[in-house]
């Protein structure tokens, strides 16, 4: 397996990096403090395809491969965690299901809006009592009446719904059919009966809105069914596999930002008459960060490459996301240690980055769930189950 980047991929990564360091990084603290996304930057993103990374050019996207998309998400997250999460969710959870399973009419209707830079996409899976256990916990349901779906239920911890022109919603359509009783339905938020609650008050990623949604007798046409009826759970699992690559990339970006801030500070801060970067205790933390970030990035690129090769990437994506998210925790923790008391101050970026990265081991599959996924696949690979 060869994970070397092509010249085109390197050029694209560098272009996105330059854009993000100019348009996002200087404003990341403001986004965190105000809780407001920097739409001036998002509206410029279509020029680089960031708002439609893997959407076909016919619908306003860039039509990129998964490796290039992961490189872009890493750079956005490196500059601003809040923007990184919203853009990752927009591409992986909002656009990707429509691009993969949408009809021509659905793609023509929704994808140009989603790639325009005026909106951000959303996927509604989680509920107050359904997180890791979607199959057993989802209660939002839909039944057919007069050529429409009638939807009732409550979703929680949804990213971007206030910015979305359409939301991909997982619902139960056959209560007694187990995992084959779920469907994905496209719901426009301005339909009667849809209520999007105010953003949650969160530890980090404050500029990326996380909201609850209620559905009260919401009627949408049957033509809004995404893909085949009864395939919603399968679609969800496939979408989450891809989403784990993007969250892995986002985790690497956050870790990289904290690492760079730490090295800069270690060269500037002096103790006992010399920069603290000259002390072995600091050097070991820097070395560990370099090793761990490189390992995490390689695993993310491997998972992305496997996806591009149309090979089974479920285990690789789980491994990449698990490793990258836990690397982000370790690197950002040590970044604060290197900064000492200043690392605990909001005047330095590592305080914000540490808060932002804390979600990475929770969203798109907790570390505990990912270990279950990985262990089951490993046992299957060795013919033990």
Protein backbone atom coordinates (compact mmCIF):
# COMPACT_ATOMS: atom_id res chain seq x y z
CA UNK A 1 0.00 0.00 0.00
CA UNK A 2 1.41 3.36 -1.01
CA UNK A 3 0.14 6.38 0.92
CA UNK A 4 2.39 8.97 -0.70
CA UNK A 5 0.41 12.01 -1.72
CA UNK A 6 0.21 12.90 -5.37
CA UNK A 7 1.40 16.30 -6.50
CA UNK A 8 -2.23 17.34 -6.99
CA UNK A 9 -3.13 16.28 -3.45
CA UNK A 10 -0.18 18.19 -1.99
CA UNK A 11 -1.07 21.31 -3.94
CA UNK A 12 -4.68 21.11 -2.79
CA UNK A 13 -3.65 20.60 0.84
CA UNK A 14 -1.36 23.62 0.65
CA UNK A 15 -4.06 25.78 -0.94
CA UNK A 16 -6.55 24.85 1.78
CA UNK A 17 -3.91 25.42 4.46
CA UNK A 18 -3.15 28.91 3.16
CA UNK A 19 -6.84 29.75 3.03
CA UNK A 20 -7.55 28.46 6.54
CA UNK A 21 -4.56 30.15 8.14
CA UNK A 22 -5.65 33.44 6.59
CA UNK A 23 -9.44 33.23 6.88
CA UNK A 24 -10.02 31.05 9.96
CA UNK A 25 -7.05 30.85 12.34
CA UNK A 26 -6.90 34.57 13.25
CA UNK A 27 -10.60 34.51 14.17
CA UNK A 28 -10.79 31.18 16.03
CA UNK A 29 -10.82 32.82 19.45
CA UNK A 30 -13.63 35.16 18.37
CA UNK A 31 -15.66 32.22 17.10
CA UNK A 32 -15.18 30.47 20.44
CA UNK A 33 -16.09 33.52 22.51
CA UNK A 34 -19.09 34.69 20.47
CA UNK A 35 -20.40 31.27 19.47
CA UNK A 36 -20.84 32.63 15.94
CA UNK A 37 -19.46 30.92 12.86
CA UNK A 38 -17.35 33.12 10.57
CA UNK A 39 -19.64 33.07 7.55
CA UNK A 40 -17.42 35.48 5.67
CA UNK A 41 -14.93 32.62 5.39
CA UNK A 42 -17.49 29.89 4.74
CA UNK A 43 -18.97 31.83 1.81
CA UNK A 44 -15.51 31.79 0.22
CA UNK A 45 -15.03 28.04 0.68
CA UNK A 46 -16.76 26.96 -2.54
CA UNK A 47 -13.82 28.48 -4.44
CA UNK A 48 -11.68 25.64 -3.04
CA UNK A 49 -14.48 23.08 -2.96
CA UNK A 50 -14.44 22.85 0.84
CA UNK A 51 -18.23 22.97 1.07
CA UNK A 52 -18.59 20.10 -1.41
CA UNK A 53 -15.44 18.06 -1.05
CA UNK A 54 -16.79 14.78 -2.44
CA UNK A 55 -19.84 16.13 -4.26
CA UNK A 56 -19.78 15.87 -8.05
CA UNK A 57 -18.87 19.02 -9.94
CA UNK A 58 -22.28 18.94 -11.63
CA UNK A 59 -23.82 19.94 -8.29
CA UNK A 60 -21.24 22.57 -7.37
CA UNK A 61 -18.81 20.29 -5.56
CA UNK A 62 -15.13 19.53 -6.05
CA UNK A 63 -15.50 15.80 -6.77
CA UNK A 64 -12.42 14.96 -4.69
CA UNK A 65 -11.14 11.62 -3.46
CA UNK A 66 -11.36 10.71 0.23
CA UNK A 67 -7.66 11.34 0.86
CA UNK A 68 -7.92 14.91 -0.42
CA UNK A 69 -11.09 15.46 1.60
CA UNK A 70 -9.35 14.24 4.76
CA UNK A 71 -6.42 16.56 4.12
CA UNK A 72 -8.82 19.49 3.80
CA UNK A 73 -10.67 18.66 7.02
CA UNK A 74 -7.37 18.39 8.89
CA UNK A 75 -6.40 21.88 7.75
CA UNK A 76 -9.77 23.41 8.68
CA UNK A 77 -9.59 21.79 12.14
CA UNK A 78 -6.02 22.91 12.61
CA UNK A 79 -7.15 26.50 12.10
CA UNK A 80 -10.49 26.44 13.99
CA UNK A 81 -12.04 23.50 15.78
CA UNK A 82 -15.60 24.84 15.65
CA UNK A 83 -15.45 25.44 11.92
CA UNK A 84 -13.72 22.10 11.46
CA UNK A 85 -16.53 20.19 13.15
CA UNK A 86 -19.29 21.96 11.24
CA UNK A 87 -17.52 21.52 7.90
CA UNK A 88 -16.76 17.86 8.66
CA UNK A 89 -20.39 17.19 9.56
CA UNK A 90 -21.61 19.17 6.56
CA UNK A 91 -19.54 17.11 4.13
CA UNK A 92 -19.62 13.68 5.74
CA UNK A 93 -23.10 13.65 7.26
CA UNK A 94 -25.04 16.26 5.29
CA UNK A 95 -23.81 15.99 1.69
CA UNK A 96 -22.44 12.44 1.52
CA UNK A 97 -25.70 10.50 2.06
CA UNK A 98 -27.52 12.57 -0.57
CA UNK A 99 -24.63 12.19 -3.01
CA UNK A 100 -24.54 8.42 -2.48
CA UNK A 101 -28.21 7.47 -2.22
CA UNK A 102 -30.17 10.46 -3.51
CA UNK A 103 -32.24 10.39 -6.68
CA UNK A 104 -31.34 12.72 -9.53
CA UNK A 105 -34.17 15.01 -8.43
CA UNK A 106 -32.98 15.06 -4.81
CA UNK A 107 -29.42 15.80 -5.84
CA UNK A 108 -30.46 18.61 -8.18
CA UNK A 109 -32.72 20.13 -5.54
CA UNK A 110 -30.48 20.00 -2.47
CA UNK A 111 -26.80 19.61 -3.38
CA UNK A 112 -26.33 22.96 -5.17
CA UNK A 113 -27.67 24.70 -2.06
CA UNK A 114 -25.42 22.66 0.21
CA UNK A 115 -22.28 23.37 -1.83
CA UNK A 116 -23.02 27.09 -2.26
CA UNK A 117 -21.42 28.30 0.97
CA UNK A 118 -24.74 29.73 2.13
CA UNK A 119 -25.83 26.63 4.08
CA UNK A 120 -24.40 23.70 6.04
CA UNK A 121 -25.82 20.18 5.96
CA UNK A 122 -26.98 18.04 8.89
CA UNK A 123 -27.78 14.45 9.82
CA UNK A 124 -30.21 13.67 12.66
CA UNK A 125 -29.45 10.30 14.27
CA UNK A 126 -28.95 10.71 18.01
CA UNK A 127 -31.85 11.01 20.44
CA UNK A 128 -32.01 11.74 24.18
CA UNK A 129 -32.01 7.98 24.87
CA UNK A 130 -30.29 6.76 21.71
CA UNK A 131 -26.60 7.41 21.20
CA UNK A 132 -24.35 4.39 20.78
CA UNK A 133 -27.44 2.14 20.72
CA UNK A 134 -29.24 3.55 17.70
CA UNK A 135 -30.88 0.25 16.78
CA UNK A 136 -32.46 -0.19 20.18
CA UNK A 137 -32.95 3.40 21.22
CA UNK A 138 -34.34 5.38 18.27
CA UNK A 139 -37.98 6.30 18.86
CA UNK A 140 -38.54 8.88 16.13
CA UNK A 141 -41.00 7.24 13.76
CA UNK A 142 -42.78 7.79 10.48
CA UNK A 143 -45.90 6.30 8.91
CA UNK A 144 -47.45 6.76 5.48
CA UNK A 145 -50.67 8.69 4.96
CA UNK A 146 -52.07 10.23 1.76
CA UNK A 147 -48.78 10.02 -0.14
CA UNK A 148 -46.75 11.50 2.70
CA UNK A 149 -44.57 10.44 5.58
CA UNK A 150 -45.85 11.69 8.92
CA UNK A 151 -42.92 12.05 11.34
CA UNK A 152 -42.98 12.31 15.12
CA UNK A 153 -40.06 12.25 17.51
CA UNK A 154 -37.15 14.05 19.08
CA UNK A 155 -33.50 14.25 18.03
CA UNK A 156 -30.60 15.53 20.18
CA UNK A 157 -26.97 16.59 19.75
CA UNK A 158 -27.40 17.42 16.07
CA UNK A 159 -24.71 19.54 14.39
CA UNK A 160 -25.66 22.40 12.03
CA UNK A 161 -29.49 22.07 11.89
CA UNK A 162 -30.06 25.82 12.12
CA UNK A 163 -27.96 26.28 8.97
CA UNK A 164 -29.40 23.37 6.97
CA UNK A 165 -31.77 23.65 3.99
CA UNK A 166 -32.54 19.94 4.49
CA UNK A 167 -31.81 17.45 7.26
CA UNK A 168 -31.21 13.72 6.76
CA UNK A 169 -33.37 12.11 9.47
CA UNK A 170 -33.20 8.49 10.64
CA UNK A 171 -36.68 7.21 11.58
CA UNK A 172 -38.42 3.94 12.36
CA UNK A 173 -40.82 3.04 9.56
CA UNK A 174 -41.41 -0.62 10.55
CA UNK A 175 -41.27 -0.94 14.37
CA UNK A 176 -41.16 -4.74 14.37
CA UNK A 177 -38.55 -5.19 11.64
CA UNK A 178 -35.40 -4.64 13.71
CA UNK A 179 -32.54 -2.99 11.86
CA UNK A 180 -34.50 -3.42 8.61
CA UNK A 181 -37.25 -1.21 9.99
CA UNK A 182 -35.37 2.09 9.62
CA UNK A 183 -35.47 4.60 6.77
CA UNK A 184 -33.72 7.86 6.03
CA UNK A 185 -35.99 10.76 5.12
CA UNK A 186 -35.04 14.23 3.86
CA UNK A 187 -36.81 16.87 5.93
CA UNK A 188 -36.73 20.59 5.19
CA UNK A 189 -36.57 22.48 8.53
CA UNK A 190 -39.20 25.03 7.46
CA UNK A 191 -41.91 22.36 7.29
CA UNK A 192 -44.77 22.72 9.75
CA UNK A 193 -44.12 20.80 12.96
CA UNK A 194 -40.31 21.01 12.85
CA UNK A 195 -38.83 22.86 15.82
CA UNK A 196 -35.09 23.45 16.18
CA UNK A 197 -34.14 24.33 19.75
CA UNK A 198 -31.51 26.86 20.76
CA UNK A 199 -27.87 25.67 20.68
CA UNK A 200 -26.61 23.65 23.62
CA UNK A 201 -24.17 25.26 26.04
CA UNK A 202 -21.01 23.23 25.58
CA UNK A 203 -17.50 22.83 26.93
CA UNK A 204 -15.90 23.50 23.56
CA UNK A 205 -16.58 23.82 19.82
CA UNK A 206 -18.84 26.69 20.80
CA UNK A 207 -19.07 28.16 17.31
CA UNK A 208 -20.50 24.91 15.91
CA UNK A 209 -24.19 24.76 16.90
CA UNK A 210 -25.41 21.54 18.52
CA UNK A 211 -29.19 21.45 18.82
CA UNK A 212 -32.26 19.38 19.57
CA UNK A 213 -35.00 18.94 16.98
CA UNK A 214 -38.62 17.97 17.57
CA UNK A 215 -40.97 16.59 14.92
CA UNK A 216 -44.71 16.89 15.55
CA UNK A 217 -46.82 15.38 12.79
CA UNK A 218 -44.37 16.64 10.19
CA UNK A 219 -45.56 15.75 6.71
CA UNK A 220 -43.10 15.24 3.86
CA UNK A 221 -43.74 13.60 0.47
CA UNK A 222 -42.77 9.98 -0.01
CA UNK A 223 -40.39 11.22 -2.69
CA UNK A 224 -38.22 12.57 0.16
CA UNK A 225 -37.22 9.03 1.10
CA UNK A 226 -33.44 8.79 0.76
CA UNK A 227 -32.57 5.56 -0.99
CA UNK A 228 -34.70 2.47 -0.34
CA UNK A 229 -37.26 2.30 2.42
CA UNK A 230 -35.98 0.00 5.17
CA UNK A 231 -32.31 0.65 4.37
CA UNK A 232 -31.85 3.51 6.84
CA UNK A 233 -29.81 1.61 9.40
CA UNK A 234 -27.45 0.30 6.71
CA UNK A 235 -27.09 3.84 5.34
CA UNK A 236 -26.34 5.12 8.83
CA UNK A 237 -23.56 2.60 9.43
CA UNK A 238 -22.02 3.33 6.04
CA UNK A 239 -22.20 7.06 6.68
CA UNK A 240 -20.61 6.73 10.13
CA UNK A 241 -17.74 4.69 8.69
CA UNK A 242 -16.94 7.57 6.35
CA UNK A 243 -17.54 10.11 9.10
CA UNK A 244 -14.95 8.43 11.30
CA UNK A 245 -12.31 9.23 8.71
CA UNK A 246 -13.22 12.91 8.79
CA UNK A 247 -13.33 13.05 12.61
CA UNK A 248 -9.96 11.32 12.64
CA UNK A 249 -8.63 13.99 10.29
CA UNK A 250 -10.17 16.73 12.43
CA UNK A 251 -8.51 15.22 15.52
CA UNK A 252 -5.14 15.26 13.77
CA UNK A 253 -5.65 18.91 12.87
CA UNK A 254 -6.44 19.87 16.46
CA UNK A 255 -3.43 17.93 17.74
CA UNK A 256 -1.19 19.56 15.14
CA UNK A 257 -2.32 23.03 16.17
CA UNK A 258 -1.64 22.33 19.85
CA UNK A 259 1.73 20.80 19.00
CA UNK A 260 2.84 23.82 16.98
CA UNK A 261 1.73 26.21 19.71
CA UNK A 262 3.69 24.16 22.27
CA UNK A 263 6.91 24.18 20.29
CA UNK A 264 6.66 27.92 19.74
CA UNK A 265 6.07 28.55 23.44
CA UNK A 266 8.85 26.16 24.50
CA UNK A 267 11.34 28.21 22.46
CA UNK A 268 10.15 31.50 23.95
CA UNK A 269 9.67 30.57 27.60
CA UNK A 270 12.82 30.52 29.71
CA UNK A 271 13.49 28.82 33.02
CA UNK A 272 16.78 28.54 34.89
CA UNK A 273 18.41 30.75 32.29
CA UNK A 274 17.49 28.91 29.10
CA UNK A 275 14.47 28.08 26.88
CA UNK A 276 12.44 25.23 28.31
CA UNK A 277 12.73 23.48 24.92
CA UNK A 278 16.27 22.58 26.01
CA UNK A 279 15.04 20.51 28.94
CA UNK A 280 14.65 16.78 28.45
CA UNK A 281 11.20 16.63 30.06
CA UNK A 282 9.86 19.04 27.43
CA UNK A 283 11.79 17.40 24.61
CA UNK A 284 10.24 14.04 25.41
CA UNK A 285 6.74 15.50 25.25
CA UNK A 286 7.60 17.09 21.91
CA UNK A 287 9.02 13.81 20.61
CA UNK A 288 5.98 11.84 21.78
CA UNK A 289 3.66 14.34 20.07
CA UNK A 290 5.58 14.14 16.80
CA UNK A 291 5.46 10.33 16.82
CA UNK A 292 1.81 10.07 17.80
CA UNK A 293 0.55 12.69 15.35
CA UNK A 294 2.46 11.06 12.51
CA UNK A 295 1.02 7.65 13.44
CA UNK A 296 -2.52 9.02 13.65
CA UNK A 297 -2.24 10.86 10.35
CA UNK A 298 -0.94 7.72 8.63
CA UNK A 299 -3.86 5.67 9.94
CA UNK A 300 -6.35 8.29 8.74
CA UNK A 301 -4.72 8.33 5.31
CA UNK A 302 -4.79 4.51 5.18
CA UNK A 303 -8.52 4.42 5.93
CA UNK A 304 -9.17 7.14 3.35
CA UNK A 305 -7.06 5.29 0.77
CA UNK A 306 -8.93 2.03 1.38
CA UNK A 307 -12.23 3.84 0.89
CA UNK A 308 -10.98 5.31 -2.38
CA UNK A 309 -9.96 1.82 -3.50
CA UNK A 310 -13.53 0.65 -2.76
CA UNK A 311 -12.19 -1.86 -0.26
CA UNK A 312 -13.61 -2.68 3.16
CA UNK A 313 -12.55 0.19 5.39
CA UNK A 314 -14.83 -0.23 8.43
CA UNK A 315 -12.11 -1.53 10.76
CA UNK A 316 -9.50 0.87 9.37
CA UNK A 317 -11.80 3.85 9.90
CA UNK A 318 -12.53 2.76 13.47
CA UNK A 319 -8.81 2.31 14.18
CA UNK A 320 -7.97 5.69 12.64
CA UNK A 321 -10.66 7.57 14.54
CA UNK A 322 -9.83 5.85 17.85
CA UNK A 323 -6.10 6.51 17.53
CA UNK A 324 -6.42 10.08 16.25
CA UNK A 325 -8.95 11.16 18.87
CA UNK A 326 -6.90 9.72 21.72
CA UNK A 327 -3.73 11.25 20.30
CA UNK A 328 -5.48 14.62 20.26
CA UNK A 329 -6.34 14.20 23.95
CA UNK A 330 -2.75 13.32 24.86
CA UNK A 331 -1.07 15.98 22.73
CA UNK A 332 -3.41 18.74 23.89
CA UNK A 333 -3.04 17.67 27.52
CA UNK A 334 0.76 17.90 27.25
CA UNK A 335 0.47 21.19 25.39
CA UNK A 336 -1.10 22.70 28.49
CA UNK A 337 1.62 21.11 30.64
CA UNK A 338 4.30 22.71 28.48
CA UNK A 339 2.59 26.10 28.84
CA UNK A 340 2.24 25.65 32.59
CA UNK A 341 -0.12 28.16 34.21
CA UNK A 342 -0.45 30.02 30.92
CA UNK A 343 -1.87 26.88 29.34
CA UNK A 344 -4.83 27.17 31.70
CA UNK A 345 -5.45 30.74 30.55
CA UNK A 346 -7.83 31.64 27.74
CA UNK A 347 -5.16 34.06 26.51
CA UNK A 348 -3.34 31.13 24.91
CA UNK A 349 -4.88 28.95 22.16
CA UNK A 350 -4.07 25.59 23.77
CA UNK A 351 -6.82 26.17 26.36
CA UNK A 352 -9.43 26.43 23.59
CA UNK A 353 -7.95 23.60 21.55
CA UNK A 354 -8.03 21.28 24.56
CA UNK A 355 -11.73 22.01 25.11
CA UNK A 356 -12.46 21.56 21.40
CA UNK A 357 -10.74 18.20 21.08
CA UNK A 358 -12.59 16.67 24.04
CA UNK A 359 -15.58 15.78 21.86
CA UNK A 360 -13.46 13.72 19.46
CA UNK A 361 -13.46 10.57 21.62
CA UNK A 362 -17.27 10.81 21.93
CA UNK A 363 -18.76 11.80 18.57
CA UNK A 364 -18.98 9.40 15.59
CA UNK A 365 -18.59 6.46 17.94
CA UNK A 366 -17.14 6.62 21.44
CA UNK A 367 -13.73 5.10 22.08
CA UNK A 368 -15.47 2.27 23.91
CA UNK A 369 -17.79 1.48 20.98
CA UNK A 370 -14.89 1.68 18.53
CA UNK A 371 -12.95 -0.86 20.57
CA UNK A 372 -15.94 -3.20 20.26
CA UNK A 373 -16.04 -2.66 16.48
CA UNK A 374 -12.31 -3.26 16.15
CA UNK A 375 -12.24 -6.35 18.37
CA UNK A 376 -15.16 -7.96 16.53
CA UNK A 377 -13.52 -7.35 13.17
CA UNK A 378 -10.18 -8.67 14.46
CA UNK A 379 -11.83 -11.84 15.75
CA UNK A 380 -13.65 -12.28 12.43
CA UNK A 381 -10.42 -11.77 10.51
CA UNK A 382 -8.85 -14.60 12.49
CA UNK A 383 -11.86 -16.89 12.08
CA UNK A 384 -12.64 -16.91 15.79
CA UNK A 385 -16.27 -15.75 15.53
